[in-house]
Amino acid sequence: MARGIMLASLLVAPVAIFIVVVGIVLTGGGARGSAYDYVVHVDLPPSSRTLGLPPVQGPEDASRPLVVIDPGHGGFDPGAGSGSFKEKTIALAISRALRDELLQGGGIRVAMTRDEDRFISLSERPSIARQLKADLFISIHSDSAEAPDASGASVYVLSERGSSEAAARFAARENNADTINGIGISQAGSTVGTILLDLSQRDAQFGSVQAAQLVLREVRGKLPLHHDGVESGALAVLKAPDIPSILFETGYISNPRDVRYLKSDEGRRAIAGAAAQAIRAFFARNAQGGA
């Protein structure tokens, strides 16, 4: 009996609700007597919550240089890749290896924009570095291409114009990480061009190029290179105008040979070791006044 009543209620309730709604509309309820008067607007939560600053690891001496490592993508933004092997996963693994390498060597403080699989908008990543007053920002990624023979590492710095057509396409693809179905979800401030501030912060831009050149020097002969020179592009993640910032593409996730290397412990150690050497050389050179 109770079960029958329950079933009857389930059948009757929708009909009753429909009758009430129709009645309200037909009787002119509301200010305009329109069905639109009864549409309920619900504010969706923001696409990314305001993140607290990550912990800074390493020496407690605040005068020691601080590196902010940024594992690309994360959360609902997987980046490049297919199947179970995603760019966000390899970026985090290499970033952790680089962090551990720097901490083990001592003398350098390290923070990571994310140490788990979560989404962080492009605008928040350099903002974290600025709030922490970082001395260097390095964003870790792995590239992809339609051509299966594209392979090797690349290093990018910020510029209003890409160094090549391929660099411009890459920048457009990376900057698209803050969109869903073409709709922007990050309030980055406007275009990357306005963020450049006409490159008035020349010291930071010079430092970016210097750091990128040192990374290339250290990886040359240890890792295959896609480009043997520093690439540039209008990359929103490198927008901090007062912090030397580089984007390190560690290989092509669309290339089977690169994928095997990126998956291996040996490959990750080699990438992290080369990047750590470059970072130490960067700080040593600047401590000597650029000598």
Protein backbone atom coordinates (compact mmCIF):
# COMPACT_ATOMS: atom_id res chain seq x y z
CA MET A 1 0.00 0.00 0.00
CA ALA A 2 2.72 2.47 1.04
CA ARG A 3 4.65 1.65 -2.12
CA GLY A 4 1.58 2.37 -4.24
CA ILE A 5 1.09 5.76 -2.61
CA MET A 6 4.75 6.60 -3.20
CA LEU A 7 4.50 5.71 -6.90
CA ALA A 8 1.35 7.73 -7.29
CA SER A 9 3.03 10.74 -5.70
CA LEU A 10 5.92 10.51 -8.13
CA LEU A 11 3.51 10.50 -11.06
CA VAL A 12 1.25 13.26 -9.78
CA ALA A 13 3.90 15.74 -8.57
CA PRO A 14 5.25 16.74 -12.02
CA VAL A 15 1.73 17.17 -13.36
CA ALA A 16 0.80 19.37 -10.39
CA ILE A 17 3.84 21.56 -10.86
CA PHE A 18 3.07 21.94 -14.57
CA ILE A 19 -0.52 22.98 -13.79
CA VAL A 20 0.63 25.58 -11.24
CA VAL A 21 3.19 27.11 -13.63
CA VAL A 22 0.69 27.25 -16.51
CA GLY A 23 -1.85 28.80 -14.19
CA ILE A 24 0.56 31.53 -13.13
CA VAL A 25 1.42 32.37 -16.73
CA LEU A 26 -2.20 32.40 -17.93
CA THR A 27 -3.44 34.53 -15.04
CA GLY A 28 -0.78 37.17 -15.67
CA GLY A 29 1.15 36.61 -12.49
CA GLY A 30 4.20 38.76 -12.03
CA ALA A 31 4.97 42.31 -13.10
CA ARG A 32 4.73 41.70 -16.86
CA GLY A 33 2.58 38.56 -16.93
CA SER A 34 5.30 36.76 -18.89
CA ALA A 35 6.73 33.31 -18.40
CA TYR A 36 10.17 34.96 -18.37
CA ASP A 37 9.25 36.57 -15.06
CA TYR A 38 9.65 33.14 -13.49
CA VAL A 39 13.04 32.23 -14.91
CA VAL A 40 15.48 31.72 -12.09
CA HIS A 41 19.00 32.98 -12.79
CA VAL A 42 21.74 31.10 -11.00
CA ASP A 43 25.27 32.48 -10.82
CA LEU A 44 27.74 29.74 -11.60
CA PRO A 45 30.87 29.55 -9.50
CA PRO A 46 33.98 31.09 -11.07
CA SER A 47 35.98 28.78 -13.30
CA SER A 48 38.95 28.94 -10.96
CA ARG A 49 38.97 29.80 -7.32
CA THR A 50 41.39 32.27 -5.83
CA LEU A 51 44.39 30.23 -4.86
CA GLY A 52 46.44 30.73 -1.76
CA LEU A 53 50.15 31.17 -2.28
CA PRO A 54 52.08 27.89 -2.41
CA PRO A 55 54.73 27.08 0.19
CA VAL A 56 58.30 28.14 -0.42
CA GLN A 57 60.79 25.32 0.14
CA GLY A 58 64.51 25.48 0.71
CA PRO A 59 66.66 27.85 2.79
CA GLU A 60 64.84 30.08 5.24
CA ASP A 61 67.13 32.94 4.23
CA ALA A 62 64.90 35.27 2.19
CA SER A 63 67.94 36.69 0.43
CA ARG A 64 68.42 33.41 -1.40
CA PRO A 65 67.05 33.42 -4.95
CA LEU A 66 63.54 32.08 -5.47
CA VAL A 67 62.44 30.04 -8.47
CA VAL A 68 58.74 29.51 -9.18
CA ILE A 69 58.20 26.36 -11.23
CA ASP A 70 54.95 26.22 -13.16
CA PRO A 71 53.73 22.80 -14.33
CA GLY A 72 51.63 23.58 -17.39
CA HIS A 73 47.91 22.83 -17.66
CA GLY A 74 46.16 20.72 -14.96
CA GLY A 75 42.70 19.77 -13.78
CA PHE A 76 40.10 19.84 -16.57
CA ASP A 77 42.77 21.22 -18.93
CA PRO A 78 44.90 18.20 -19.89
CA GLY A 79 47.03 19.94 -22.49
CA ALA A 80 48.38 17.85 -25.33
CA GLY A 81 48.41 14.07 -25.51
CA SER A 82 46.01 11.22 -25.93
CA GLY A 83 44.93 8.23 -23.90
CA SER A 84 46.28 8.10 -20.37
CA PHE A 85 49.44 10.10 -21.13
CA LYS A 86 48.65 13.80 -20.88
CA GLU A 87 50.80 16.91 -20.97
CA LYS A 88 49.57 18.00 -17.55
CA THR A 89 50.92 14.75 -16.05
CA ILE A 90 54.39 14.91 -17.58
CA ALA A 91 54.66 18.63 -16.81
CA LEU A 92 53.97 17.95 -13.13
CA ALA A 93 56.39 15.00 -12.99
CA ILE A 94 59.24 16.98 -14.56
CA SER A 95 58.47 20.02 -12.39
CA ARG A 96 58.70 17.90 -9.26
CA ALA A 97 62.00 16.41 -10.47
CA LEU A 98 63.36 19.91 -11.11
CA ARG A 99 62.21 21.09 -7.68
CA ASP A 100 63.91 18.14 -5.99
CA GLU A 101 67.09 18.70 -7.99
CA LEU A 102 67.27 22.36 -6.95
CA LEU A 103 66.50 21.65 -3.30
CA GLN A 104 69.05 18.87 -3.15
CA GLY A 105 71.76 21.20 -4.46
CA GLY A 106 70.91 23.79 -1.79
CA GLY A 107 71.11 27.56 -1.86
CA ILE A 108 67.93 28.14 -3.90
CA ARG A 109 64.36 28.51 -2.71
CA VAL A 110 61.62 26.87 -4.75
CA ALA A 111 57.84 27.15 -5.04
CA MET A 112 55.45 25.44 -7.46
CA THR A 113 52.27 26.98 -8.83
CA ARG A 114 50.65 23.56 -8.46
CA ASP A 115 51.80 20.31 -6.88
CA GLU A 116 48.69 18.35 -7.76
CA ASP A 117 46.29 17.85 -10.65
CA ARG A 118 44.25 21.04 -10.49
CA PHE A 119 43.41 23.88 -12.85
CA ILE A 120 45.11 27.26 -12.50
CA SER A 121 44.29 30.05 -14.94
CA LEU A 122 46.99 31.60 -17.08
CA SER A 123 46.67 34.91 -15.24
CA GLU A 124 47.13 33.31 -11.81
CA ARG A 125 50.40 31.56 -12.67
CA PRO A 126 52.65 34.61 -13.12
CA SER A 127 50.64 36.39 -10.44
CA ILE A 128 51.80 33.76 -7.94
CA ALA A 129 55.40 34.42 -8.94
CA ARG A 130 54.96 38.16 -8.56
CA GLN A 131 53.31 37.88 -5.14
CA LEU A 132 56.13 35.64 -3.95
CA LYS A 133 58.67 38.11 -5.40
CA ALA A 134 60.31 35.37 -7.42
CA ASP A 135 63.64 35.86 -9.12
CA LEU A 136 62.85 33.46 -11.97
CA PHE A 137 59.68 31.89 -13.38
CA ILE A 138 59.90 28.71 -15.46
CA SER A 139 56.83 27.08 -17.00
CA ILE A 140 57.17 23.41 -17.96
CA HIS A 141 55.31 21.97 -20.97
CA SER A 142 55.51 19.37 -23.72
CA ASP A 143 54.63 20.32 -27.26
CA SER A 144 52.50 18.57 -29.88
CA ALA A 145 52.29 18.69 -33.67
CA GLU A 146 50.36 17.07 -36.48
CA ALA A 147 53.62 15.93 -38.06
CA PRO A 148 54.71 12.79 -36.16
CA ASP A 149 58.40 13.48 -36.88
CA ALA A 150 58.41 16.78 -34.95
CA SER A 151 60.55 16.23 -31.85
CA GLY A 152 62.94 17.83 -29.39
CA ALA A 153 62.96 20.52 -26.73
CA SER A 154 62.43 24.27 -27.18
CA VAL A 155 62.73 27.31 -24.92
CA TYR A 156 60.47 30.35 -25.27
CA VAL A 157 60.49 33.92 -23.98
CA LEU A 158 57.80 36.58 -24.25
CA SER A 159 57.53 38.79 -27.27
CA GLU A 160 54.69 40.56 -29.03
CA ARG A 161 55.56 38.82 -32.27
CA GLY A 162 56.44 35.15 -32.55
CA SER A 163 59.88 34.24 -33.81
CA SER A 164 58.27 32.06 -36.45
CA GLU A 165 54.88 31.06 -37.80
CA ALA A 166 55.11 27.83 -35.81
CA ALA A 167 55.88 29.82 -32.65
CA ALA A 168 52.84 32.01 -33.25
CA ARG A 169 50.63 28.93 -33.64
CA PHE A 170 52.09 27.45 -30.48
CA ALA A 171 51.42 30.66 -28.51
CA ALA A 172 47.82 30.76 -29.76
CA ARG A 173 47.29 27.15 -28.73
CA GLU A 174 48.78 27.63 -25.25
CA ASN A 175 46.87 30.86 -24.66
CA ASN A 176 43.70 28.95 -25.52
CA ALA A 177 44.05 26.98 -22.27
CA ASP A 178 41.81 29.59 -20.63
CA THR A 179 38.85 28.97 -22.93
CA ILE A 180 36.05 26.46 -23.02
CA ASN A 181 34.29 26.17 -26.38
CA GLY A 182 35.92 29.45 -27.35
CA ILE A 183 34.69 31.34 -24.28
CA GLY A 184 37.37 32.97 -22.14
CA ILE A 185 37.41 32.04 -18.47
CA SER A 186 40.40 34.07 -17.32
CA GLN A 187 40.36 37.78 -16.74
CA ALA A 188 43.93 38.22 -17.85
CA GLY A 189 43.67 41.95 -18.22
CA SER A 190 43.40 42.27 -22.03
CA THR A 191 45.91 41.29 -24.64
CA VAL A 192 49.44 40.09 -24.15
CA GLY A 193 50.57 43.14 -26.10
CA THR A 194 49.33 45.48 -23.37
CA ILE A 195 50.98 43.29 -20.73
CA LEU A 196 54.33 43.81 -22.41
CA LEU A 197 54.27 47.43 -21.24
CA ASP A 198 56.31 48.27 -24.31
CA LEU A 199 59.02 46.10 -22.74
CA SER A 200 59.83 48.96 -20.37
CA GLN A 201 61.06 46.41 -17.86
CA ARG A 202 64.14 45.75 -19.97
CA ASP A 203 66.05 44.04 -17.19
CA ALA A 204 63.42 41.32 -16.84
CA GLN A 205 63.29 40.76 -20.58
CA PHE A 206 67.07 40.58 -20.78
CA GLY A 207 67.06 38.12 -17.88
CA SER A 208 64.47 35.98 -19.65
CA VAL A 209 66.62 35.70 -22.76
CA GLN A 210 69.69 35.01 -20.66
CA ALA A 211 67.97 32.23 -18.72
CA ALA A 212 66.59 30.71 -21.93
CA GLN A 213 70.05 30.70 -23.53
CA LEU A 214 71.51 28.98 -20.49
CA VAL A 215 68.83 26.28 -20.58
CA LEU A 216 69.62 25.66 -24.24
CA ARG A 217 73.33 25.51 -23.44
CA GLU A 218 72.79 22.91 -20.74
CA VAL A 219 70.38 20.70 -22.67
CA ARG A 220 72.41 20.81 -25.88
CA GLY A 221 74.01 17.40 -26.34
CA LYS A 222 71.92 15.90 -23.54
CA LEU A 223 68.47 16.25 -25.08
CA PRO A 224 67.36 16.48 -28.69
CA LEU A 225 66.50 20.07 -29.60
CA HIS A 226 63.66 21.13 -31.84
CA HIS A 227 65.19 24.60 -32.21
CA ASP A 228 68.79 25.44 -31.41
CA GLY A 229 67.95 29.04 -30.60
CA VAL A 230 65.62 30.85 -28.21
CA GLU A 231 62.05 31.02 -29.52
CA SER A 232 59.65 33.86 -28.72
CA GLY A 233 55.90 34.29 -28.70
CA ALA A 234 53.00 36.22 -27.18
CA LEU A 235 52.56 33.68 -24.38
CA ALA A 236 50.17 34.88 -21.68
CA VAL A 237 51.75 32.67 -19.02
CA LEU A 238 55.00 34.67 -19.36
CA LYS A 239 53.29 38.00 -18.82
CA ALA A 240 55.00 39.04 -15.54
CA PRO A 241 56.80 42.20 -16.70
CA ASP A 242 59.25 42.37 -13.81
CA ILE A 243 60.38 38.73 -13.45
CA PRO A 244 62.63 36.84 -15.89
CA SER A 245 60.27 34.22 -17.30
CA ILE A 246 60.75 31.31 -19.69
CA LEU A 247 58.67 28.45 -21.03
CA PHE A 248 60.52 25.14 -21.40
CA GLU A 249 59.01 22.72 -23.92
CA THR A 250 60.62 19.45 -22.89
CA GLY A 251 59.71 17.46 -26.00
CA TYR A 252 56.88 16.48 -28.30
CA ILE A 253 54.15 14.43 -26.72
CA SER A 254 52.97 13.64 -30.23
CA ASN A 255 56.27 11.90 -31.05
CA PRO A 256 56.55 8.25 -29.89
CA ARG A 257 60.31 8.52 -29.30
CA ASP A 258 59.95 11.70 -27.24
CA VAL A 259 57.09 10.14 -25.28
CA ARG A 260 59.23 7.16 -24.30
CA TYR A 261 61.92 9.53 -23.11
CA LEU A 262 59.51 11.78 -21.21
CA LYS A 263 57.97 8.76 -19.52
CA SER A 264 61.30 7.33 -18.38
CA ASP A 265 62.97 8.16 -15.08
CA GLU A 266 66.22 8.63 -16.98
CA GLY A 267 64.67 11.20 -19.28
CA ARG A 268 63.06 13.17 -16.49
CA ARG A 269 66.28 13.19 -14.48
CA ALA A 270 68.22 14.41 -17.51
CA ILE A 271 65.72 17.19 -18.19
CA ALA A 272 65.57 18.26 -14.55
CA GLY A 273 69.35 18.09 -14.16
CA ALA A 274 70.00 20.24 -17.23
CA ALA A 275 67.38 22.82 -16.21
CA ALA A 276 68.75 22.96 -12.65
CA GLN A 277 72.29 23.53 -13.96
CA ALA A 278 71.03 26.37 -16.14
CA ILE A 279 69.15 27.97 -13.24
CA ARG A 280 72.24 27.85 -11.02
CA ALA A 281 74.35 29.34 -13.80
CA PHE A 282 71.76 32.09 -14.26
CA PHE A 283 71.85 33.12 -10.60
CA ALA A 284 75.65 32.83 -10.42
CA ARG A 285 76.04 35.05 -13.48
CA ASN A 286 73.67 37.67 -12.11
CA ALA A 287 75.32 37.58 -8.68
CA GLN A 288 78.54 38.56 -10.46
CA GLY A 289 76.87 41.46 -12.16
CA GLY A 290 76.39 39.67 -15.45
CA ALA A 291 80.03 38.77 -15.84
